[in-house]
Amino acid sequence: MGHLRLVDGLRAVAAGLVLASHVGFWSGASQIDLVGGLVARGDAGVAVFFAISAFLLLRPAISRGLDGAQTPRSSTGVYAAHRAARILPAYWLALVGVLAAAALIPSAGGLGGGERVLAHVLLLQGYTGEYYQSFTQTWSLTTEVTFYVLVPVLGAVLARVLSRRGGARGIRSLLTATIAIGLLGLVVQAAATAWTRAGSDGGAGILATSVLGHLAWFGVGVVVALLTEARRRGLGPLVTRPALVAVWSSRPTLVLLAVVTFVVASSPVAGPRDLAAPTVAQAVAKEGLYALFALFLLAAAVQEPAADTPAGAIARAGVTRWLGDISYGVFLWHVLVLQVLFALTGATLFAADFWWVLYATVGFSVALASASWWLVERPILTAVRARTARDTPARA
C-alpha cells in the first residue's frame, strides 16, 4: 500500500480546523454572525482525525481479508510499539508545558492533586472528566488510544469475515454492519445528551466523548477502507453502482459536498456554538453532519491524483508532507499557546481580537510543533521502526 500524501494534507486541515475553533472560543469570535458559526464548527476536525485513524489502521486487515488472509499480519507488539512511539513522546513533552503553565499562571487553576497529574500522564483524562485548561482538547486522545487498543481485535474480525464469506459478499455484510454501528453511535449521542439535560454530573459527557459516542466517526474510516480496497479488486458498490462511482471519482464534487455539509453544520441545526447543552436532535444532527464531512474529505484524499492536476501538485509538495508531520504537534500545543498568550498580553477572555490571536497562535504552535517533530518525534519514530524491523522475522 503506497503512502497517501493527500491524507497528510488532510491531517493538517483537521488540525487547523481544531485550532481555529479554539481561537474562536477563547476570543469570543465564535459567537459573532455567520462567520462565527463556521469558526465554531472547526471541532469537526476531530471527526476527520478519527476517520483517518480507522482508515489507516484497519485498511491492512481489510486488504488481507480480501486476499484470503494469505499475507501475514504485523505482530501486536510491533503495532503497539509504533502507536506508542507516534503518540506518547510528543504528548508527554506538551504535558510538561501544560503542567508548568498550570503551576505558574494564576488563572490556570493549579496542578491539582497527584491523581489528576497521573491521569494525564496515562491519557485517562477522558475517563475522569478533569482537564487542565490548556489541555482540554486531549479528551480525543483518550478516545483515540482506546480505539488503538481495539484495532487488533477489529482487524482480526474484519479479515476473518472477508476471508470466510468471500470478497463481494463479505464487503456487503461489513458495509451494512459498519453503517448500523455508526447509527448506534448516534443513538449513544442522543442518550448522552438526554442524560446531560436530565442533570448528569459528568458521566454523560464521558459517554458522549467515548469511542461508543463517536462510533459514526470511526465508522467513516472503515467504510472508506472497505470501499477503497474492494474497488482495487473490482468489487463492491464503487464498481457496480454508476451514480456512486461518478460522485466518488470526482474529487471536486466530494470537496464541494464537504463544504456544503460544513456550512449546514454551522447553522443552529447543529446546536449552540458555546458549551451550552444542545437538544437531543441537535446533538444527533451535529454528530451525523460531522461524520458526513469526514466521509467526503477522506474519500477525496484517499484517491491518488494524477500528476498533472492541482491535487497532484499538492500531493507532491514537500509542504504537504511537512504539515502532515507536524499536525499532531499543532493539535497538542495550540491551546497551551492560547493560554500563555492571554496571560502575557492581558487579553480578555471572550472579548479579544480574533485575527491577532489566530496569527499568533498559528505561528507559535507551528514553531513548537516543528521543534517537537524534528527533535523528539521523528528520531524516536525512526529508531522504533528500525528496531522493530530488525526484530521482525523475514517473510517469504
Protein backbone atom coordinates (compact mmCIF):
# COMPACT_ATOMS: atom_id res chain seq x y z
CA MET A 1 0.00 0.00 0.00
CA GLY A 2 1.50 3.30 -1.07
CA HIS A 3 1.78 6.38 1.10
CA LEU A 4 -1.20 8.67 0.56
CA ARG A 5 0.20 12.19 0.50
CA LEU A 6 -3.20 13.87 0.39
CA VAL A 7 -4.05 12.21 3.70
CA ASP A 8 -1.05 14.06 5.16
CA GLY A 9 -2.61 17.27 3.94
CA LEU A 10 -5.96 16.25 5.38
CA ARG A 11 -4.35 15.80 8.81
CA ALA A 12 -3.11 19.38 8.56
CA VAL A 13 -6.59 20.58 7.59
CA ALA A 14 -8.08 18.78 10.59
CA ALA A 15 -5.52 20.29 12.98
CA GLY A 16 -6.14 23.75 11.50
CA LEU A 17 -9.87 23.42 11.96
CA VAL A 18 -9.49 22.41 15.62
CA LEU A 19 -7.06 25.30 16.22
CA ALA A 20 -9.45 27.81 14.62
CA SER A 21 -12.35 26.58 16.74
CA HIS A 22 -10.40 27.13 19.96
CA VAL A 23 -9.20 30.56 18.87
CA GLY A 24 -12.81 31.43 18.09
CA PHE A 25 -13.95 30.21 21.50
CA TRP A 26 -11.22 31.97 23.52
CA SER A 27 -11.55 35.23 21.58
CA GLY A 28 -15.36 35.18 21.54
CA ALA A 29 -15.46 35.31 17.74
CA SER A 30 -17.45 32.09 17.53
CA GLN A 31 -20.50 33.94 18.83
CA ILE A 32 -20.44 36.58 16.08
CA ASP A 33 -22.65 36.27 12.96
CA LEU A 34 -22.35 33.58 10.29
CA VAL A 35 -18.55 33.54 10.17
CA GLY A 36 -18.51 32.80 13.89
CA GLY A 37 -20.58 29.73 13.24
CA LEU A 38 -18.06 28.48 10.69
CA VAL A 39 -15.21 29.04 13.14
CA ALA A 40 -17.07 27.32 15.97
CA ARG A 41 -17.57 24.15 13.94
CA GLY A 42 -13.84 23.68 13.48
CA ASP A 43 -14.13 20.90 16.04
CA ALA A 44 -15.28 18.81 13.08
CA GLY A 45 -11.56 18.31 12.59
CA VAL A 46 -11.68 15.72 15.38
CA ALA A 47 -14.12 13.65 13.30
CA VAL A 48 -11.63 13.82 10.43
CA PHE A 49 -8.79 12.63 12.70
CA PHE A 50 -10.87 9.68 13.94
CA ALA A 51 -11.86 8.70 10.40
CA ILE A 52 -8.24 8.85 9.20
CA SER A 53 -7.13 6.63 12.09
CA ALA A 54 -9.75 4.00 11.38
CA PHE A 55 -8.95 4.04 7.66
CA LEU A 56 -5.19 3.72 8.02
CA LEU A 57 -5.15 1.21 10.87
CA LEU A 58 -7.86 -1.15 9.60
CA ARG A 59 -7.15 -0.97 5.87
CA PRO A 60 -4.33 -3.58 6.05
CA ALA A 61 -6.66 -6.08 7.75
CA ILE A 62 -9.33 -5.47 5.11
CA SER A 63 -6.77 -5.97 2.35
CA ARG A 64 -5.57 -9.18 4.00
CA GLY A 65 -9.13 -10.47 4.28
CA LEU A 66 -9.90 -9.73 0.63
CA ASP A 67 -6.73 -11.59 -0.35
CA GLY A 68 -7.91 -14.63 1.57
CA ALA A 69 -5.74 -13.82 4.61
CA GLN A 70 -2.71 -15.12 2.70
CA THR A 71 -0.47 -12.23 3.72
CA PRO A 72 0.76 -12.27 7.35
CA ARG A 73 -0.26 -9.54 9.74
CA SER A 74 2.10 -7.48 11.86
CA SER A 75 2.59 -8.64 15.42
CA THR A 76 0.62 -6.92 18.16
CA GLY A 77 3.88 -5.95 19.83
CA VAL A 78 5.15 -4.13 16.74
CA TYR A 79 1.80 -2.42 16.31
CA ALA A 80 1.79 -1.28 19.96
CA ALA A 81 5.37 -0.02 19.74
CA HIS A 82 4.59 2.05 16.64
CA ARG A 83 1.46 3.55 18.15
CA ALA A 84 3.20 4.39 21.41
CA ALA A 85 6.12 6.00 19.58
CA ARG A 86 3.76 8.09 17.48
CA ILE A 87 1.57 9.33 20.33
CA LEU A 88 3.38 9.38 23.66
CA PRO A 89 6.71 11.26 23.30
CA ALA A 90 5.13 14.38 21.78
CA TYR A 91 2.21 14.15 24.20
CA TRP A 92 4.41 13.92 27.30
CA LEU A 93 6.56 16.81 26.05
CA ALA A 94 3.49 19.01 25.64
CA LEU A 95 2.20 17.84 29.03
CA VAL A 96 5.35 19.19 30.69
CA GLY A 97 4.49 22.60 29.25
CA VAL A 98 0.88 22.27 30.38
CA LEU A 99 1.90 21.38 33.93
CA ALA A 100 4.32 24.31 34.03
CA ALA A 101 1.59 26.68 32.86
CA ALA A 102 -0.86 25.27 35.42
CA ALA A 103 1.66 25.90 38.20
CA LEU A 104 2.85 29.34 37.07
CA ILE A 105 -0.21 31.10 35.59
CA PRO A 106 -2.59 32.23 38.37
CA SER A 107 -5.71 31.90 36.20
CA ALA A 108 -4.82 28.36 35.05
CA GLY A 109 -6.30 26.64 38.08
CA GLY A 110 -3.20 25.00 39.51
CA LEU A 111 -1.81 21.49 39.22
CA GLY A 112 -4.49 19.78 41.27
CA GLY A 113 -3.78 16.53 43.08
CA GLY A 114 -1.46 13.73 42.12
CA GLU A 115 -4.35 11.72 40.71
CA ARG A 116 -5.09 14.47 38.20
CA VAL A 117 -1.48 14.60 37.06
CA LEU A 118 -1.27 10.81 36.83
CA ALA A 119 -4.50 10.63 34.83
CA HIS A 120 -2.97 12.98 32.27
CA VAL A 121 0.33 11.09 32.19
CA LEU A 122 -1.59 7.90 31.42
CA LEU A 123 -4.00 9.58 28.98
CA LEU A 124 -7.01 8.76 31.13
CA GLN A 125 -8.43 12.28 31.48
CA GLY A 126 -11.21 11.45 29.06
CA TYR A 127 -12.50 8.97 31.63
CA THR A 128 -12.09 11.23 34.66
CA GLY A 129 -13.58 14.31 33.00
CA GLU A 130 -10.96 16.57 34.65
CA TYR A 131 -8.71 18.59 32.34
CA TYR A 132 -6.08 21.27 32.56
CA GLN A 133 -7.31 24.47 30.97
CA SER A 134 -4.63 24.29 28.28
CA PHE A 135 -5.21 20.58 27.51
CA THR A 136 -8.98 20.35 27.16
CA GLN A 137 -8.66 19.10 23.58
CA THR A 138 -6.98 15.90 24.77
CA TRP A 139 -10.29 14.20 25.55
CA SER A 140 -9.99 12.99 21.98
CA LEU A 141 -6.64 11.33 22.68
CA THR A 142 -8.22 9.19 25.38
CA THR A 143 -10.81 8.15 22.80
CA GLU A 144 -8.17 7.61 20.12
CA VAL A 145 -5.96 5.46 22.33
CA THR A 146 -8.97 3.39 23.37
CA PHE A 147 -9.63 2.78 19.68
CA TYR A 148 -5.97 1.78 19.20
CA VAL A 149 -6.43 -0.92 21.82
CA LEU A 150 -9.44 -2.26 19.92
CA VAL A 151 -7.77 -2.24 16.49
CA PRO A 152 -6.09 -5.70 16.67
CA VAL A 153 -9.42 -7.30 17.57
CA LEU A 154 -11.38 -5.31 14.99
CA GLY A 155 -8.79 -6.08 12.33
CA ALA A 156 -8.95 -9.79 13.05
CA VAL A 157 -12.75 -9.74 12.79
CA LEU A 158 -12.72 -7.82 9.50
CA ALA A 159 -10.11 -10.11 7.94
CA ARG A 160 -11.93 -13.22 9.13
CA VAL A 161 -15.32 -12.13 7.76
CA LEU A 162 -13.88 -11.17 4.38
CA SER A 163 -11.81 -14.34 4.13
CA ARG A 164 -14.66 -16.67 5.03
CA ARG A 165 -17.52 -15.02 3.18
CA GLY A 166 -15.68 -14.07 0.04
CA GLY A 167 -15.00 -10.62 -1.35
CA ALA A 168 -18.31 -9.31 -2.65
CA ARG A 169 -20.48 -10.93 0.00
CA GLY A 170 -18.10 -10.00 2.79
CA ILE A 171 -17.94 -6.38 1.66
CA ARG A 172 -21.73 -6.12 1.63
CA SER A 173 -22.01 -7.65 5.08
CA LEU A 174 -19.36 -5.42 6.60
CA LEU A 175 -20.66 -2.23 4.99
CA THR A 176 -24.11 -2.98 6.38
CA ALA A 177 -22.70 -3.79 9.83
CA THR A 178 -20.49 -0.68 9.89
CA ILE A 179 -23.36 1.62 8.94
CA ALA A 180 -25.52 0.01 11.63
CA ILE A 181 -22.75 0.52 14.20
CA GLY A 182 -22.40 4.14 13.11
CA LEU A 183 -26.12 4.65 13.65
CA LEU A 184 -25.69 3.10 17.10
CA GLY A 185 -23.17 5.84 17.80
CA LEU A 186 -25.84 8.43 17.02
CA VAL A 187 -28.16 6.68 19.46
CA VAL A 188 -25.44 6.85 22.13
CA GLN A 189 -25.03 10.59 21.47
CA ALA A 190 -28.79 11.03 21.84
CA ALA A 191 -28.76 9.12 25.14
CA ALA A 192 -25.77 11.09 26.45
CA THR A 193 -27.43 14.39 25.58
CA ALA A 194 -30.69 13.37 27.23
CA TRP A 195 -28.69 12.35 30.30
CA THR A 196 -26.92 15.73 30.34
CA ARG A 197 -30.20 17.61 30.13
CA ALA A 198 -31.53 15.46 32.96
CA GLY A 199 -28.74 16.72 35.22
CA SER A 200 -25.79 14.34 34.81
CA ASP A 201 -22.80 15.33 36.94
CA GLY A 202 -20.24 14.29 34.32
CA GLY A 203 -20.99 10.74 33.26
CA ALA A 204 -22.94 11.89 30.23
CA GLY A 205 -20.02 13.94 28.97
CA ILE A 206 -17.66 10.99 29.32
CA LEU A 207 -20.08 8.78 27.41
CA ALA A 208 -20.55 11.37 24.66
CA THR A 209 -16.80 11.70 24.05
CA SER A 210 -16.04 7.97 24.27
CA VAL A 211 -15.49 5.52 21.42
CA LEU A 212 -19.13 4.50 21.79
CA GLY A 213 -20.24 8.10 21.42
CA HIS A 214 -18.20 8.53 18.24
CA LEU A 215 -18.76 5.20 16.52
CA ALA A 216 -20.06 7.09 13.49
CA TRP A 217 -16.77 8.97 13.05
CA PHE A 218 -14.61 5.86 13.30
CA GLY A 219 -17.12 4.02 11.11
CA VAL A 220 -16.48 6.51 8.32
CA GLY A 221 -12.86 5.37 8.13
CA VAL A 222 -13.89 1.72 7.99
CA VAL A 223 -16.43 2.39 5.21
CA VAL A 224 -13.86 4.26 3.11
CA ALA A 225 -11.31 1.48 3.65
CA LEU A 226 -13.82 -1.21 2.64
CA LEU A 227 -14.90 0.67 -0.48
CA THR A 228 -11.35 1.55 -1.49
CA GLU A 229 -9.91 -1.94 -1.11
CA ALA A 230 -12.93 -3.55 -2.77
CA ARG A 231 -12.66 -1.18 -5.73
CA ARG A 232 -8.98 -2.07 -6.21
CA ARG A 233 -10.13 -5.66 -6.76
CA GLY A 234 -13.10 -4.86 -8.98
CA LEU A 235 -15.66 -5.47 -6.22
CA GLY A 236 -18.29 -3.55 -4.31
CA PRO A 237 -20.57 -0.56 -4.85
CA LEU A 238 -17.81 1.55 -6.42
CA VAL A 239 -17.82 -0.91 -9.32
CA THR A 240 -21.48 -1.85 -9.60
CA ARG A 241 -23.29 1.45 -8.95
CA PRO A 242 -22.60 4.07 -11.65
CA ALA A 243 -24.08 7.03 -9.74
CA LEU A 244 -21.90 6.33 -6.71
CA VAL A 245 -18.88 5.78 -8.93
CA ALA A 246 -19.43 9.16 -10.61
CA VAL A 247 -19.56 11.04 -7.30
CA TRP A 248 -16.69 9.10 -5.73
CA SER A 249 -14.43 9.63 -8.75
CA SER A 250 -14.94 13.40 -8.77
CA ARG A 251 -12.69 14.99 -6.15
CA PRO A 252 -14.17 18.50 -6.69
CA THR A 253 -17.66 17.08 -6.10
CA LEU A 254 -16.57 15.41 -2.86
CA VAL A 255 -14.90 18.59 -1.60
CA LEU A 256 -17.97 20.64 -2.52
CA LEU A 257 -20.19 18.20 -0.63
CA ALA A 258 -17.87 18.53 2.38
CA VAL A 259 -18.10 22.33 2.25
CA VAL A 260 -21.90 22.27 1.99
CA THR A 261 -22.11 19.83 4.89
CA PHE A 262 -19.83 22.05 6.99
CA VAL A 263 -21.93 25.13 6.26
CA VAL A 264 -25.10 23.30 7.28
CA ALA A 265 -23.35 22.17 10.47
CA SER A 266 -22.52 25.80 11.27
CA SER A 267 -26.22 26.64 11.45
CA PRO A 268 -28.45 26.29 14.53
CA VAL A 269 -29.46 22.81 13.34
CA ALA A 270 -26.28 21.51 15.00
CA GLY A 271 -26.88 23.28 18.28
CA PRO A 272 -25.24 26.08 20.29
CA ARG A 273 -21.78 27.37 19.44
CA ASP A 274 -20.68 27.51 23.08
CA LEU A 275 -20.70 24.95 25.88
CA ALA A 276 -24.46 25.09 26.40
CA ALA A 277 -26.18 21.73 26.14
CA PRO A 278 -27.84 21.08 22.75
CA THR A 279 -31.17 19.38 22.33
CA VAL A 280 -31.13 15.68 21.52
CA ALA A 281 -31.99 16.42 17.88
CA GLN A 282 -29.19 18.99 17.62
CA ALA A 283 -26.61 16.62 19.12
CA VAL A 284 -27.55 13.86 16.69
CA ALA A 285 -27.53 16.28 13.76
CA LYS A 286 -24.08 17.58 14.68
CA GLU A 287 -22.63 14.10 15.08
CA GLY A 288 -24.12 12.94 11.78
CA LEU A 289 -23.08 16.05 9.85
CA TYR A 290 -19.52 15.80 11.14
CA ALA A 291 -19.45 12.15 10.06
CA LEU A 292 -20.54 13.12 6.54
CA PHE A 293 -17.99 15.94 6.46
CA ALA A 294 -15.22 13.49 7.37
CA LEU A 295 -16.52 10.95 4.84
CA PHE A 296 -16.42 13.36 1.91
CA LEU A 297 -12.97 14.73 2.76
CA LEU A 298 -11.44 11.32 3.40
CA ALA A 299 -12.91 9.91 0.19
CA ALA A 300 -11.35 12.81 -1.70
CA ALA A 301 -7.96 12.31 -0.04
CA VAL A 302 -7.51 8.55 -0.44
CA GLN A 303 -7.66 8.59 -4.22
CA GLU A 304 -4.23 9.04 -5.77
CA PRO A 305 -4.38 12.14 -8.01
CA ALA A 306 -2.95 12.42 -11.49
CA ALA A 307 0.42 14.18 -11.58
CA ASP A 308 -0.77 16.97 -13.91
CA THR A 309 -3.68 18.06 -11.70
CA PRO A 310 -3.80 20.64 -8.87
CA ALA A 311 -4.42 17.80 -6.43
CA GLY A 312 -1.36 16.02 -7.79
CA ALA A 313 0.77 19.13 -7.24
CA ILE A 314 -0.49 19.40 -3.67
CA ALA A 315 0.22 15.72 -3.03
CA ARG A 316 3.80 16.02 -4.32
CA ALA A 317 4.60 19.26 -2.48
CA GLY A 318 7.05 18.94 0.38
CA VAL A 319 5.00 21.36 2.44
CA THR A 320 2.08 18.91 2.38
CA ARG A 321 4.18 16.17 3.96
CA TRP A 322 5.65 18.63 6.47
CA LEU A 323 2.27 19.95 7.54
CA GLY A 324 1.04 16.39 7.97
CA ASP A 325 4.09 15.55 10.08
CA ILE A 326 3.59 18.47 12.46
CA SER A 327 -0.22 18.34 12.59
CA TYR A 328 -0.22 16.25 15.77
CA GLY A 329 2.10 18.74 17.45
CA VAL A 330 -0.09 21.65 16.40
CA PHE A 331 -3.05 19.83 17.92
CA LEU A 332 -1.16 19.28 21.18
CA TRP A 333 0.35 22.74 21.63
CA HIS A 334 -2.19 25.26 20.37
CA VAL A 335 -4.42 25.55 23.46
CA LEU A 336 -1.36 25.98 25.69
CA VAL A 337 -0.17 28.71 23.32
CA LEU A 338 -3.56 30.38 23.68
CA GLN A 339 -3.38 30.26 27.47
CA VAL A 340 0.11 31.75 27.58
CA LEU A 341 -0.78 34.43 25.02
CA PHE A 342 -3.80 35.57 27.03
CA ALA A 343 -1.80 35.54 30.26
CA LEU A 344 1.14 37.52 28.88
CA THR A 345 -0.85 40.10 26.91
CA GLY A 346 -3.70 40.57 29.36
CA ALA A 347 -6.21 39.84 26.60
CA THR A 348 -9.78 39.47 27.82
CA LEU A 349 -11.29 36.02 27.50
CA PHE A 350 -14.23 36.00 25.05
CA ALA A 351 -13.51 39.61 24.05
CA ALA A 352 -10.20 39.56 22.14
CA ASP A 353 -9.45 40.37 18.51
CA PHE A 354 -9.79 37.12 16.58
CA TRP A 355 -7.21 37.81 13.89
CA TRP A 356 -4.20 38.71 16.00
CA VAL A 357 -4.92 35.79 18.32
CA LEU A 358 -5.18 33.48 15.31
CA TYR A 359 -1.94 34.70 13.74
CA ALA A 360 -0.01 34.42 16.98
CA THR A 361 -1.46 31.01 17.85
CA VAL A 362 -0.69 29.58 14.41
CA GLY A 363 2.85 30.98 14.44
CA PHE A 364 3.86 29.75 17.88
CA SER A 365 2.04 26.43 17.51
CA VAL A 366 3.73 25.65 14.20
CA ALA A 367 7.13 26.59 15.66
CA LEU A 368 6.67 24.36 18.72
CA ALA A 369 5.21 21.51 16.65
CA SER A 370 8.12 21.68 14.20
CA ALA A 371 10.66 21.55 17.03
CA SER A 372 8.77 18.63 18.57
CA TRP A 373 8.77 16.77 15.25
CA TRP A 374 12.43 17.22 14.37
CA LEU A 375 13.91 16.91 17.86
CA VAL A 376 11.64 14.34 19.53
CA GLU A 377 9.01 12.64 17.38
CA ARG A 378 10.95 11.89 14.21
CA PRO A 379 14.09 10.49 15.89
CA ILE A 380 12.04 8.25 18.18
CA LEU A 381 9.80 7.01 15.36
CA THR A 382 12.82 6.27 13.18
CA ALA A 383 14.54 4.37 15.97
CA VAL A 384 11.46 2.33 16.90
CA ARG A 385 10.72 1.44 13.29
CA ALA A 386 14.32 0.39 12.69
CA ARG A 387 14.34 -1.71 15.87
CA THR A 388 11.04 -3.44 15.13
CA ALA A 389 12.16 -4.09 11.53
CA ARG A 390 15.27 -5.85 12.85
CA ASP A 391 13.28 -7.85 15.39
CA THR A 392 10.61 -8.94 12.88
CA PRO A 393 11.49 -12.22 11.12
CA ALA A 394 11.85 -12.00 7.34
CA ARG A 395 8.75 -13.07 5.45
CA ALA A 396 8.66 -15.00 2.24
